[in-house]
Amino acid sequence: TDRLFTEDVAVTSRHGEARGIEAIVAIARKGHDEYARTMHCKSNVVIEIDGDTATVRAHDIAVFLIDDATEALAAAIHRYGARRTAHGWRFSSLEVTPVTLTAAIDRAALPLPTGKA
């Protein structure tokens, strides 16, 4: 995580507020550990650079696999603050604004991939 975030990173989400890498890991786990798997897809990324700082906005669609039979879907807008450090660009803040979250929905029965084309 220190390759993505500054040591003093601040995060605000529906799960609460956190400051510092250990605290943001804890808040991420609070929101994700109850699921068997998750997958996030970012789109519509807009980056505005102003010297050694930047703002980033992205749309996030997430699939939360609850179990083998159910999942939930979520959409949010992510707003990041970033700054240039001695080790490159790092995110210094993240504000997650929820747009929607479904209740558990039935999963379609799909065959598992075999790794063969």
PDB file of N, CA and C in Angstrom:
ATOM      1  N   THR A   1       0.806  -1.204   0.000  1.00  0.00           N
ATOM      2  CA  THR A   1       0.000   0.000   0.000  1.00  0.00           C
ATOM      3  C   THR A   1       0.848   1.268   0.000  1.00  0.00           C
ATOM      4  N   ASP A   2       2.078   1.220   0.511  1.00  0.00           N
ATOM      5  CA  ASP A   2       2.901   2.423   0.499  1.00  0.00           C
ATOM      6  C   ASP A   2       3.376   2.776  -0.911  1.00  0.00           C
ATOM      7  N   ARG A   3       3.136   1.893  -1.862  1.00  0.00           N
ATOM      8  CA  ARG A   3       3.450   2.207  -3.255  1.00  0.00           C
ATOM      9  C   ARG A   3       2.297   2.949  -3.909  1.00  0.00           C
ATOM     10  N   LEU A   4       1.148   2.970  -3.251  1.00  0.00           N
ATOM     11  CA  LEU A   4      -0.029   3.674  -3.761  1.00  0.00           C
ATOM     12  C   LEU A   4      -0.365   4.923  -2.974  1.00  0.00           C
ATOM     13  N   PHE A   5      -0.154   4.881  -1.645  1.00  0.00           N
ATOM     14  CA  PHE A   5      -0.638   5.940  -0.768  1.00  0.00           C
ATOM     15  C   PHE A   5       0.493   6.600   0.011  1.00  0.00           C
ATOM     16  N   THR A   6       0.268   7.861   0.385  1.00  0.00           N
ATOM     17  CA  THR A   6       1.190   8.551   1.279  1.00  0.00           C
ATOM     18  C   THR A   6       0.956   8.037   2.699  1.00  0.00           C
ATOM     19  N   GLU A   7       1.941   8.211   3.564  1.00  0.00           N
ATOM     20  CA  GLU A   7       1.816   7.749   4.955  1.00  0.00           C
ATOM     21  C   GLU A   7       0.645   8.413   5.676  1.00  0.00           C
ATOM     22  N   ASP A   8       0.319   9.661   5.302  1.00  0.00           N
ATOM     23  CA  ASP A   8      -0.745  10.406   5.978  1.00  0.00           C
ATOM     24  C   ASP A   8      -2.063  10.386   5.211  1.00  0.00           C
ATOM     25  N   VAL A   9      -2.265   9.412   4.336  1.00  0.00           N
ATOM     26  CA  VAL A   9      -3.468   9.323   3.518  1.00  0.00           C
ATOM     27  C   VAL A   9      -4.718   9.400   4.391  1.00  0.00           C
ATOM     28  N   ALA A  10      -5.738  10.104   3.883  1.00  0.00           N
ATOM     29  CA  ALA A  10      -7.019  10.229   4.576  1.00  0.00           C
ATOM     30  C   ALA A  10      -8.112   9.677   3.668  1.00  0.00           C
ATOM     31  N   VAL A  11      -8.970   8.801   4.218  1.00  0.00           N
ATOM     32  CA  VAL A  11     -10.040   8.174   3.449  1.00  0.00           C
ATOM     33  C   VAL A  11     -11.375   8.416   4.142  1.00  0.00           C
ATOM     34  N   THR A  12     -12.388   8.735   3.328  1.00  0.00           N
ATOM     35  CA  THR A  12     -13.757   8.863   3.809  1.00  0.00           C
ATOM     36  C   THR A  12     -14.623   7.964   2.930  1.00  0.00           C
ATOM     37  N   SER A  13     -15.375   7.064   3.559  1.00  0.00           N
ATOM     38  CA  SER A  13     -16.286   6.182   2.822  1.00  0.00           C
ATOM     39  C   SER A  13     -17.500   5.903   3.696  1.00  0.00           C
ATOM     40  N   ARG A  14     -18.424   5.100   3.182  1.00  0.00           N
ATOM     41  CA  ARG A  14     -19.614   4.773   3.971  1.00  0.00           C
ATOM     42  C   ARG A  14     -19.260   3.940   5.202  1.00  0.00           C
ATOM     43  N   HIS A  15     -18.042   3.425   5.248  1.00  0.00           N
ATOM     44  CA  HIS A  15     -17.594   2.636   6.399  1.00  0.00           C
ATOM     45  C   HIS A  15     -16.918   3.497   7.458  1.00  0.00           C
ATOM     46  N   GLY A  16     -16.742   4.796   7.186  1.00  0.00           N
ATOM     47  CA  GLY A  16     -16.148   5.693   8.161  1.00  0.00           C
ATOM     48  C   GLY A  16     -14.986   6.472   7.593  1.00  0.00           C
ATOM     49  N   GLU A  17     -14.201   7.038   8.495  1.00  0.00           N
ATOM     50  CA  GLU A  17     -13.034   7.822   8.112  1.00  0.00           C
ATOM     51  C   GLU A  17     -11.784   7.168   8.679  1.00  0.00           C
ATOM     52  N   ALA A  18     -10.687   7.299   7.954  1.00  0.00           N
ATOM     53  CA  ALA A  18      -9.421   6.712   8.398  1.00  0.00           C
ATOM     54  C   ALA A  18      -8.277   7.605   7.947  1.00  0.00           C
ATOM     55  N   ARG A  19      -7.215   7.619   8.741  1.00  0.00           N
ATOM     56  CA  ARG A  19      -6.011   8.375   8.382  1.00  0.00           C
ATOM     57  C   ARG A  19      -4.799   7.492   8.624  1.00  0.00           C
ATOM     58  N   GLY A  20      -3.927   7.401   7.619  1.00  0.00           N
ATOM     59  CA  GLY A  20      -2.738   6.568   7.701  1.00  0.00           C
ATOM     60  C   GLY A  20      -2.977   5.215   7.051  1.00  0.00           C
ATOM     61  N   ILE A  21      -1.889   4.606   6.618  1.00  0.00           N
ATOM     62  CA  ILE A  21      -1.989   3.367   5.844  1.00  0.00           C
ATOM     63  C   ILE A  21      -2.630   2.236   6.643  1.00  0.00           C
ATOM     64  N   GLU A  22      -2.211   2.019   7.883  1.00  0.00           N
ATOM     65  CA  GLU A  22      -2.805   0.931   8.668  1.00  0.00           C
ATOM     66  C   GLU A  22      -4.297   1.129   8.852  1.00  0.00           C
ATOM     67  N   ALA A  23      -4.714   2.367   9.080  1.00  0.00           N
ATOM     68  CA  ALA A  23      -6.137   2.649   9.283  1.00  0.00           C
ATOM     69  C   ALA A  23      -6.940   2.443   8.002  1.00  0.00           C
ATOM     70  N   ILE A  24      -6.360   2.796   6.843  1.00  0.00           N
ATOM     71  CA  ILE A  24      -7.133   2.595   5.610  1.00  0.00           C
ATOM     72  C   ILE A  24      -7.213   1.124   5.241  1.00  0.00           C
ATOM     73  N   VAL A  25      -6.197   0.354   5.578  1.00  0.00           N
ATOM     74  CA  VAL A  25      -6.276  -1.097   5.357  1.00  0.00           C
ATOM     75  C   VAL A  25      -7.404  -1.672   6.222  1.00  0.00           C
ATOM     76  N   ALA A  26      -7.501  -1.215   7.457  1.00  0.00           N
ATOM     77  CA  ALA A  26      -8.557  -1.705   8.352  1.00  0.00           C
ATOM     78  C   ALA A  26      -9.938  -1.335   7.830  1.00  0.00           C
ATOM     79  N   ILE A  27     -10.105  -0.124   7.321  1.00  0.00           N
ATOM     80  CA  ILE A  27     -11.417   0.284   6.815  1.00  0.00           C
ATOM     81  C   ILE A  27     -11.760  -0.469   5.523  1.00  0.00           C
ATOM     82  N   ALA A  28     -10.761  -0.760   4.700  1.00  0.00           N
ATOM     83  CA  ALA A  28     -11.005  -1.554   3.488  1.00  0.00           C
ATOM     84  C   ALA A  28     -11.434  -2.966   3.858  1.00  0.00           C
ATOM     85  N   ARG A  29     -10.765  -3.547   4.848  1.00  0.00           N
ATOM     86  CA  ARG A  29     -11.157  -4.889   5.289  1.00  0.00           C
ATOM     87  C   ARG A  29     -12.561  -4.888   5.868  1.00  0.00           C
ATOM     88  N   LYS A  30     -12.901  -3.850   6.609  1.00  0.00           N
ATOM     89  CA  LYS A  30     -14.242  -3.739   7.190  1.00  0.00           C
ATOM     90  C   LYS A  30     -15.302  -3.812   6.087  1.00  0.00           C
ATOM     91  N   GLY A  31     -15.009  -3.236   4.945  1.00  0.00           N
ATOM     92  CA  GLY A  31     -15.971  -3.205   3.858  1.00  0.00           C
ATOM     93  C   GLY A  31     -15.896  -4.374   2.903  1.00  0.00           C
ATOM     94  N   HIS A  32     -14.831  -5.204   2.993  1.00  0.00           N
ATOM     95  CA  HIS A  32     -14.657  -6.254   1.997  1.00  0.00           C
ATOM     96  C   HIS A  32     -14.488  -7.662   2.563  1.00  0.00           C
ATOM     97  N   ASP A  33     -14.039  -7.813   3.773  1.00  0.00           N
ATOM     98  CA  ASP A  33     -13.745  -9.146   4.309  1.00  0.00           C
ATOM     99  C   ASP A  33     -14.973 -10.042   4.453  1.00  0.00           C
ATOM    100  N   GLU A  34     -16.158  -9.460   4.491  1.00  0.00           N
ATOM    101  CA  GLU A  34     -17.359 -10.285   4.625  1.00  0.00           C
ATOM    102  C   GLU A  34     -17.720 -11.000   3.316  1.00  0.00           C
ATOM    103  N   TYR A  35     -17.053 -10.631   2.231  1.00  0.00           N
ATOM    104  CA  TYR A  35     -17.353 -11.221   0.932  1.00  0.00           C
ATOM    105  C   TYR A  35     -16.306 -12.270   0.565  1.00  0.00           C
ATOM    106  N   ALA A  36     -16.747 -13.279  -0.197  1.00  0.00           N
ATOM    107  CA  ALA A  36     -15.833 -14.330  -0.647  1.00  0.00           C
ATOM    108  C   ALA A  36     -14.811 -13.755  -1.634  1.00  0.00           C
ATOM    109  N   ARG A  37     -15.265 -12.857  -2.502  1.00  0.00           N
ATOM    110  CA  ARG A  37     -14.388 -12.204  -3.480  1.00  0.00           C
ATOM    111  C   ARG A  37     -14.995 -10.861  -3.849  1.00  0.00           C
ATOM    112  N   THR A  38     -14.166  -9.964  -4.333  1.00  0.00           N
ATOM    113  CA  THR A  38     -14.656  -8.696  -4.867  1.00  0.00           C
ATOM    114  C   THR A  38     -13.900  -8.375  -6.147  1.00  0.00           C
ATOM    115  N   MET A  39     -14.540  -7.585  -6.986  1.00  0.00           N
ATOM    116  CA  MET A  39     -13.888  -7.123  -8.200  1.00  0.00           C
ATOM    117  C   MET A  39     -14.329  -5.685  -8.440  1.00  0.00           C
ATOM    118  N   HIS A  40     -13.370  -4.780  -8.654  1.00  0.00           N
ATOM    119  CA  HIS A  40     -13.661  -3.377  -8.915  1.00  0.00           C
ATOM    120  C   HIS A  40     -13.209  -3.020 -10.319  1.00  0.00           C
ATOM    121  N   CYS A  41     -13.988  -2.185 -10.968  1.00  0.00           N
ATOM    122  CA  CYS A  41     -13.650  -1.714 -12.309  1.00  0.00           C
ATOM    123  C   CYS A  41     -13.774  -0.190 -12.318  1.00  0.00           C
ATOM    124  N   LYS A  42     -12.688   0.496 -12.622  1.00  0.00           N
ATOM    125  CA  LYS A  42     -12.677   1.959 -12.690  1.00  0.00           C
ATOM    126  C   LYS A  42     -12.898   2.401 -14.132  1.00  0.00           C
ATOM    127  N   SER A  43     -13.639   3.502 -14.294  1.00  0.00           N
ATOM    128  CA  SER A  43     -13.847   4.061 -15.625  1.00  0.00           C
ATOM    129  C   SER A  43     -14.008   5.575 -15.520  1.00  0.00           C
ATOM    130  N   ASN A  44     -14.067   6.227 -16.664  1.00  0.00           N
ATOM    131  CA  ASN A  44     -14.264   7.667 -16.744  1.00  0.00           C
ATOM    132  C   ASN A  44     -13.278   8.419 -15.845  1.00  0.00           C
ATOM    133  N   VAL A  45     -12.029   8.009 -15.890  1.00  0.00           N
ATOM    134  CA  VAL A  45     -10.993   8.603 -15.043  1.00  0.00           C
ATOM    135  C   VAL A  45     -10.621   9.984 -15.601  1.00  0.00           C
ATOM    136  N   VAL A  46     -10.657  10.986 -14.728  1.00  0.00           N
ATOM    137  CA  VAL A  46     -10.269  12.344 -15.083  1.00  0.00           C
ATOM    138  C   VAL A  46      -9.168  12.772 -14.120  1.00  0.00           C
ATOM    139  N   ILE A  47      -8.014  13.172 -14.661  1.00  0.00           N
ATOM    140  CA  ILE A  47      -6.869  13.581 -13.855  1.00  0.00           C
ATOM    141  C   ILE A  47      -6.556  15.035 -14.169  1.00  0.00           C
ATOM    142  N   GLU A  48      -6.447  15.840 -13.115  1.00  0.00           N
ATOM    143  CA  GLU A  48      -6.056  17.239 -13.270  1.00  0.00           C
ATOM    144  C   GLU A  48      -4.805  17.476 -12.436  1.00  0.00           C
ATOM    145  N   ILE A  49      -3.707  17.824 -13.108  1.00  0.00           N
ATOM    146  CA  ILE A  49      -2.419  18.022 -12.445  1.00  0.00           C
ATOM    147  C   ILE A  49      -2.169  19.513 -12.269  1.00  0.00           C
ATOM    148  N   ASP A  50      -1.700  19.864 -11.082  1.00  0.00           N
ATOM    149  CA  ASP A  50      -1.336  21.243 -10.774  1.00  0.00           C
ATOM    150  C   ASP A  50       0.004  21.214 -10.046  1.00  0.00           C
ATOM    151  N   GLY A  51       1.083  21.253 -10.811  1.00  0.00           N
ATOM    152  CA  GLY A  51       2.424  21.189 -10.218  1.00  0.00           C
ATOM    153  C   GLY A  51       2.687  19.821  -9.606  1.00  0.00           C
ATOM    154  N   ASP A  52       2.905  19.796  -8.292  1.00  0.00           N
ATOM    155  CA  ASP A  52       3.208  18.545  -7.593  1.00  0.00           C
ATOM    156  C   ASP A  52       1.994  17.929  -6.913  1.00  0.00           C
ATOM    157  N   THR A  53       0.798  18.427  -7.257  1.00  0.00           N
ATOM    158  CA  THR A  53      -0.429  17.828  -6.727  1.00  0.00           C
ATOM    159  C   THR A  53      -1.377  17.542  -7.879  1.00  0.00           C
ATOM    160  N   ALA A  54      -2.348  16.689  -7.617  1.00  0.00           N
ATOM    161  CA  ALA A  54      -3.328  16.351  -8.648  1.00  0.00           C
ATOM    162  C   ALA A  54      -4.632  15.929  -7.985  1.00  0.00           C
ATOM    163  N   THR A  55      -5.702  16.055  -8.748  1.00  0.00           N
ATOM    164  CA  THR A  55      -6.977  15.481  -8.342  1.00  0.00           C
ATOM    165  C   THR A  55      -7.351  14.443  -9.387  1.00  0.00           C
ATOM    166  N   VAL A  56      -7.989  13.380  -8.924  1.00  0.00           N
ATOM    167  CA  VAL A  56      -8.396  12.286  -9.805  1.00  0.00           C
ATOM    168  C   VAL A  56      -9.829  11.932  -9.455  1.00  0.00           C
ATOM    169  N   ARG A  57     -10.671  11.828 -10.475  1.00  0.00           N
ATOM    170  CA  ARG A  57     -12.046  11.372 -10.275  1.00  0.00           C
ATOM    171  C   ARG A  57     -12.246  10.131 -11.138  1.00  0.00           C
ATOM    172  N   ALA A  58     -12.907   9.124 -10.565  1.00  0.00           N
ATOM    173  CA  ALA A  58     -13.162   7.891 -11.321  1.00  0.00           C
ATOM    174  C   ALA A  58     -14.506   7.314 -10.894  1.00  0.00           C
ATOM    175  N   HIS A  59     -15.172   6.679 -11.831  1.00  0.00           N
ATOM    176  CA  HIS A  59     -16.373   5.912 -11.521  1.00  0.00           C
ATOM    177  C   HIS A  59     -15.921   4.500 -11.169  1.00  0.00           C
ATOM    178  N   ASP A  60     -16.538   3.904 -10.153  1.00  0.00           N
ATOM    179  CA  ASP A  60     -16.163   2.565  -9.704  1.00  0.00           C
ATOM    180  C   ASP A  60     -17.410   1.690  -9.693  1.00  0.00           C
ATOM    181  N   ILE A  61     -17.329   0.567 -10.383  1.00  0.00           N
ATOM    182  CA  ILE A  61     -18.369  -0.461 -10.330  1.00  0.00           C
ATOM    183  C   ILE A  61     -17.747  -1.659  -9.620  1.00  0.00           C
ATOM    184  N   ALA A  62     -18.428  -2.175  -8.614  1.00  0.00           N
ATOM    185  CA  ALA A  62     -17.890  -3.292  -7.841  1.00  0.00           C
ATOM    186  C   ALA A  62     -18.885  -4.442  -7.805  1.00  0.00           C
ATOM    187  N   VAL A  63     -18.337  -5.639  -7.900  1.00  0.00           N
ATOM    188  CA  VAL A  63     -19.114  -6.871  -7.730  1.00  0.00           C
ATOM    189  C   VAL A  63     -18.637  -7.514  -6.439  1.00  0.00           C
ATOM    190  N   PHE A  64     -19.578  -7.774  -5.545  1.00  0.00           N
ATOM    191  CA  PHE A  64     -19.266  -8.413  -4.267  1.00  0.00           C
ATOM    192  C   PHE A  64     -19.853  -9.816  -4.278  1.00  0.00           C
ATOM    193  N   LEU A  65     -19.004 -10.826  -4.357  1.00  0.00           N
ATOM    194  CA  LEU A  65     -19.437 -12.215  -4.352  1.00  0.00           C
ATOM    195  C   LEU A  65     -19.711 -12.612  -2.905  1.00  0.00           C
ATOM    196  N   ILE A  66     -20.973 -12.841  -2.602  1.00  0.00           N
ATOM    197  CA  ILE A  66     -21.371 -13.171  -1.234  1.00  0.00           C
ATOM    198  C   ILE A  66     -21.111 -14.643  -0.951  1.00  0.00           C
ATOM    199  N   ASP A  67     -21.531 -15.487  -1.885  1.00  0.00           N
ATOM    200  CA  ASP A  67     -21.288 -16.925  -1.797  1.00  0.00           C
ATOM    201  C   ASP A  67     -21.445 -17.496  -3.201  1.00  0.00           C
ATOM    202  N   ASP A  68     -21.489 -18.808  -3.320  1.00  0.00           N
ATOM    203  CA  ASP A  68     -21.580 -19.417  -4.651  1.00  0.00           C
ATOM    204  C   ASP A  68     -22.890 -19.121  -5.374  1.00  0.00           C
ATOM    205  N   ALA A  69     -23.893 -18.621  -4.652  1.00  0.00           N
ATOM    206  CA  ALA A  69     -25.198 -18.420  -5.265  1.00  0.00           C
ATOM    207  C   ALA A  69     -25.619 -16.957  -5.373  1.00  0.00           C
ATOM    208  N   THR A  70     -24.974 -16.064  -4.636  1.00  0.00           N
ATOM    209  CA  THR A  70     -25.436 -14.673  -4.618  1.00  0.00           C
ATOM    210  C   THR A  70     -24.284 -13.683  -4.695  1.00  0.00           C
ATOM    211  N   GLU A  71     -24.648 -12.487  -5.181  1.00  0.00           N
ATOM    212  CA  GLU A  71     -23.697 -11.395  -5.273  1.00  0.00           C
ATOM    213  C   GLU A  71     -24.454 -10.087  -5.077  1.00  0.00           C
ATOM    214  N   ALA A  72     -23.720  -9.014  -4.889  1.00  0.00           N
ATOM    215  CA  ALA A  72     -24.288  -7.674  -4.838  1.00  0.00           C
ATOM    216  C   ALA A  72     -23.439  -6.782  -5.738  1.00  0.00           C
ATOM    217  N   LEU A  73     -24.056  -5.734  -6.257  1.00  0.00           N
ATOM    218  CA  LEU A  73     -23.363  -4.799  -7.127  1.00  0.00           C
ATOM    219  C   LEU A  73     -23.394  -3.412  -6.493  1.00  0.00           C
ATOM    220  N   ALA A  74     -22.337  -2.662  -6.664  1.00  0.00           N
ATOM    221  CA  ALA A  74     -22.267  -1.306  -6.129  1.00  0.00           C
ATOM    222  C   ALA A  74     -21.651  -0.383  -7.159  1.00  0.00           C
ATOM    223  N   ALA A  75     -22.038   0.877  -7.089  1.00  0.00           N
ATOM    224  CA  ALA A  75     -21.429   1.910  -7.920  1.00  0.00           C
ATOM    225  C   ALA A  75     -21.107   3.089  -7.010  1.00  0.00           C
ATOM    226  N   ALA A  76     -19.978   3.733  -7.282  1.00  0.00           N
ATOM    227  CA  ALA A  76     -19.562   4.884  -6.485  1.00  0.00           C
ATOM    228  C   ALA A  76     -18.701   5.803  -7.331  1.00  0.00           C
ATOM    229  N   ILE A  77     -18.573   7.026  -6.862  1.00  0.00           N
ATOM    230  CA  ILE A  77     -17.630   7.961  -7.455  1.00  0.00           C
ATOM    231  C   ILE A  77     -16.470   8.085  -6.480  1.00  0.00           C
ATOM    232  N   HIS A  78     -15.260   7.883  -6.975  1.00  0.00           N
ATOM    233  CA  HIS A  78     -14.057   7.985  -6.158  1.00  0.00           C
ATOM    234  C   HIS A  78     -13.341   9.283  -6.524  1.00  0.00           C
ATOM    235  N   ARG A  79     -13.037  10.082  -5.515  1.00  0.00           N
ATOM    236  CA  ARG A  79     -12.279  11.318  -5.708  1.00  0.00           C
ATOM    237  C   ARG A  79     -10.983  11.204  -4.912  1.00  0.00           C
ATOM    238  N   TYR A  80      -9.879  11.229  -5.618  1.00  0.00           N
ATOM    239  CA  TYR A  80      -8.558  11.090  -5.015  1.00  0.00           C
ATOM    240  C   TYR A  80      -7.833  12.430  -5.015  1.00  0.00           C
ATOM    241  N   GLY A  81      -7.025  12.639  -4.002  1.00  0.00           N
ATOM    242  CA  GLY A  81      -6.008  13.678  -4.021  1.00  0.00           C
ATOM    243  C   GLY A  81      -4.692  12.950  -4.206  1.00  0.00           C
ATOM    244  N   ALA A  82      -3.773  13.542  -4.933  1.00  0.00           N
ATOM    245  CA  ALA A  82      -2.468  12.896  -5.154  1.00  0.00           C
ATOM    246  C   ALA A  82      -1.382  13.947  -5.051  1.00  0.00           C
ATOM    247  N   ARG A  83      -0.192  13.486  -4.705  1.00  0.00           N
ATOM    248  CA  ARG A  83       0.950  14.398  -4.698  1.00  0.00           C
ATOM    249  C   ARG A  83       2.211  13.651  -5.110  1.00  0.00           C
ATOM    250  N   ARG A  84       3.108  14.422  -5.700  1.00  0.00           N
ATOM    251  CA  ARG A  84       4.391  13.885  -6.123  1.00  0.00           C
ATOM    252  C   ARG A  84       5.285  13.765  -4.885  1.00  0.00           C
ATOM    253  N   THR A  85       5.892  12.603  -4.694  1.00  0.00           N
ATOM    254  CA  THR A  85       6.801  12.374  -3.573  1.00  0.00           C
ATOM    255  C   THR A  85       8.184  12.017  -4.127  1.00  0.00           C
ATOM    256  N   ALA A  86       9.126  11.800  -3.248  1.00  0.00           N
ATOM    257  CA  ALA A  86      10.468  11.384  -3.670  1.00  0.00           C
ATOM    258  C   ALA A  86      10.433  10.022  -4.351  1.00  0.00           C
ATOM    259  N   HIS A  87       9.359   9.251  -4.139  1.00  0.00           N
ATOM    260  CA  HIS A  87       9.220   7.908  -4.717  1.00  0.00           C
ATOM    261  C   HIS A  87       8.198   7.875  -5.852  1.00  0.00           C
ATOM    262  N   GLY A  88       7.769   9.038  -6.335  1.00  0.00           N
ATOM    263  CA  GLY A  88       6.777   9.100  -7.403  1.00  0.00           C
ATOM    264  C   GLY A  88       5.429   9.559  -6.874  1.00  0.00           C
ATOM    265  N   TRP A  89       4.432   9.505  -7.724  1.00  0.00           N
ATOM    266  CA  TRP A  89       3.091   9.952  -7.351  1.00  0.00           C
ATOM    267  C   TRP A  89       2.450   8.969  -6.382  1.00  0.00           C
ATOM    268  N   ARG A  90       1.781   9.513  -5.360  1.00  0.00           N
ATOM    269  CA  ARG A  90       1.046   8.708  -4.373  1.00  0.00           C
ATOM    270  C   ARG A  90      -0.285   9.384  -4.089  1.00  0.00           C
ATOM    271  N   PHE A  91      -1.302   8.578  -3.796  1.00  0.00           N
ATOM    272  CA  PHE A  91      -2.596   9.119  -3.391  1.00  0.00           C
ATOM    273  C   PHE A  91      -2.512   9.578  -1.943  1.00  0.00           C
ATOM    274  N   SER A  92      -2.978  10.797  -1.687  1.00  0.00           N
ATOM    275  CA  SER A  92      -2.952  11.354  -0.337  1.00  0.00           C
ATOM    276  C   SER A  92      -4.334  11.417   0.297  1.00  0.00           C
ATOM    277  N   SER A  93      -5.362  11.226  -0.523  1.00  0.00           N
ATOM    278  CA  SER A  93      -6.725  11.200   0.013  1.00  0.00           C
ATOM    279  C   SER A  93      -7.632  10.438  -0.941  1.00  0.00           C
ATOM    280  N   LEU A  94      -8.725   9.957  -0.379  1.00  0.00           N
ATOM    281  CA  LEU A  94      -9.763   9.279  -1.169  1.00  0.00           C
ATOM    282  C   LEU A  94     -11.099   9.539  -0.496  1.00  0.00           C
ATOM    283  N   GLU A  95     -12.039  10.033  -1.283  1.00  0.00           N
ATOM    284  CA  GLU A  95     -13.416  10.206  -0.825  1.00  0.00           C
ATOM    285  C   GLU A  95     -14.296   9.337  -1.714  1.00  0.00           C
ATOM    286  N   VAL A  96     -15.008   8.404  -1.104  1.00  0.00           N
ATOM    287  CA  VAL A  96     -15.882   7.500  -1.838  1.00  0.00           C
ATOM    288  C   VAL A  96     -17.323   7.962  -1.632  1.00  0.00           C
ATOM    289  N   THR A  97     -17.985   8.315  -2.739  1.00  0.00           N
ATOM    290  CA  THR A  97     -19.378   8.734  -2.690  1.00  0.00           C
ATOM    291  C   THR A  97     -20.234   7.633  -3.298  1.00  0.00           C
ATOM    292  N   PRO A  98     -20.984   6.895  -2.471  1.00  0.00           N
ATOM    293  CA  PRO A  98     -21.815   5.816  -2.998  1.00  0.00           C
ATOM    294  C   PRO A  98     -22.904   6.349  -3.927  1.00  0.00           C
ATOM    295  N   VAL A  99     -23.184   5.596  -4.972  1.00  0.00           N
ATOM    296  CA  VAL A  99     -24.280   5.921  -5.888  1.00  0.00           C
ATOM    297  C   VAL A  99     -25.396   4.903  -5.716  1.00  0.00           C
ATOM    298  N   THR A 100     -25.040   3.613  -5.672  1.00  0.00           N
ATOM    299  CA  THR A 100     -26.046   2.574  -5.493  1.00  0.00           C
ATOM    300  C   THR A 100     -25.405   1.304  -4.946  1.00  0.00           C
ATOM    301  N   LEU A 101     -26.190   0.506  -4.264  1.00  0.00           N
ATOM    302  CA  LEU A 101     -25.776  -0.809  -3.776  1.00  0.00           C
ATOM    303  C   LEU A 101     -27.003  -1.701  -3.816  1.00  0.00           C
ATOM    304  N   THR A 102     -26.906  -2.821  -4.508  1.00  0.00           N
ATOM    305  CA  THR A 102     -28.048  -3.730  -4.589  1.00  0.00           C
ATOM    306  C   THR A 102     -28.105  -4.608  -3.343  1.00  0.00           C
ATOM    307  N   ALA A 103     -29.266  -5.178  -3.133  1.00  0.00           N
ATOM    308  CA  ALA A 103     -29.387  -6.271  -2.178  1.00  0.00           C
ATOM    309  C   ALA A 103     -28.783  -7.498  -2.851  1.00  0.00           C
ATOM    310  N   ALA A 104     -28.662  -8.584  -2.118  1.00  0.00           N
ATOM    311  CA  ALA A 104     -28.130  -9.819  -2.708  1.00  0.00           C
ATOM    312  C   ALA A 104     -29.006 -10.241  -3.880  1.00  0.00           C
ATOM    313  N   ILE A 105     -28.359 -10.611  -4.977  1.00  0.00           N
ATOM    314  CA  ILE A 105     -29.076 -11.089  -6.155  1.00  0.00           C
ATOM    315  C   ILE A 105     -28.526 -12.452  -6.545  1.00  0.00           C
ATOM    316  N   ASP A 106     -29.381 -13.261  -7.188  1.00  0.00           N
ATOM    317  CA  ASP A 106     -28.956 -14.592  -7.612  1.00  0.00           C
ATOM    318  C   ASP A 106     -27.894 -14.485  -8.700  1.00  0.00           C
ATOM    319  N   ARG A 107     -26.900 -15.367  -8.625  1.00  0.00           N
ATOM    320  CA  ARG A 107     -25.863 -15.431  -9.645  1.00  0.00           C
ATOM    321  C   ARG A 107     -26.295 -16.370 -10.752  1.00  0.00           C
ATOM    322  N   ALA A 108     -25.907 -16.069 -11.973  1.00  0.00           N
ATOM    323  CA  ALA A 108     -26.152 -16.971 -13.096  1.00  0.00           C
ATOM    324  C   ALA A 108     -25.218 -18.168 -12.951  1.00  0.00           C
ATOM    325  N   ALA A 109     -25.677 -19.329 -13.346  1.00  0.00           N
ATOM    326  CA  ALA A 109     -24.840 -20.533 -13.307  1.00  0.00           C
ATOM    327  C   ALA A 109     -23.917 -20.506 -14.519  1.00  0.00           C
ATOM    328  N   LEU A 110     -22.640 -20.261 -14.270  1.00  0.00           N
ATOM    329  CA  LEU A 110     -21.665 -20.203 -15.350  1.00  0.00           C
ATOM    330  C   LEU A 110     -20.614 -21.287 -15.119  1.00  0.00           C
ATOM    331  N   PRO A 111     -20.132 -21.920 -16.198  1.00  0.00           N
ATOM    332  CA  PRO A 111     -19.051 -22.896 -16.013  1.00  0.00           C
ATOM    333  C   PRO A 111     -17.771 -22.186 -15.600  1.00  0.00           C
ATOM    334  N   LEU A 112     -16.980 -22.827 -14.796  1.00  0.00           N
ATOM    335  CA  LEU A 112     -15.694 -22.259 -14.400  1.00  0.00           C
ATOM    336  C   LEU A 112     -14.731 -22.333 -15.579  1.00  0.00           C
ATOM    337  N   PRO A 113     -13.878 -21.302 -15.756  1.00  0.00           N
ATOM    338  CA  PRO A 113     -12.908 -21.345 -16.845  1.00  0.00           C
ATOM    339  C   PRO A 113     -11.910 -22.468 -16.642  1.00  0.00           C
ATOM    340  N   THR A 114     -11.512 -23.099 -17.744  1.00  0.00           N
ATOM    341  CA  THR A 114     -10.559 -24.215 -17.661  1.00  0.00           C
ATOM    342  C   THR A 114      -9.144 -23.770 -18.016  1.00  0.00           C
ATOM    343  N   GLY A 115      -8.992 -22.523 -18.469  1.00  0.00           N
ATOM    344  CA  GLY A 115      -7.667 -22.051 -18.854  1.00  0.00           C
ATOM    345  C   GLY A 115      -7.340 -22.367 -20.292  1.00  0.00           C
ATOM    346  N   LYS A 116      -8.222 -23.031 -21.004  1.00  0.00           N
ATOM    347  CA  LYS A 116      -8.013 -23.362 -22.412  1.00  0.00           C
ATOM    348  C   LYS A 116      -8.854 -22.437 -23.279  1.00  0.00           C
ATOM    349  N   ALA A 117      -8.277 -21.998 -24.395  1.00  0.00           N
ATOM    350  CA  ALA A 117      -9.000 -21.102 -25.300  1.00  0.00           C
ATOM    351  C   ALA A 117      -9.927 -21.869 -26.196  1.00  0.00           C
TER     352      ALA A 117
END
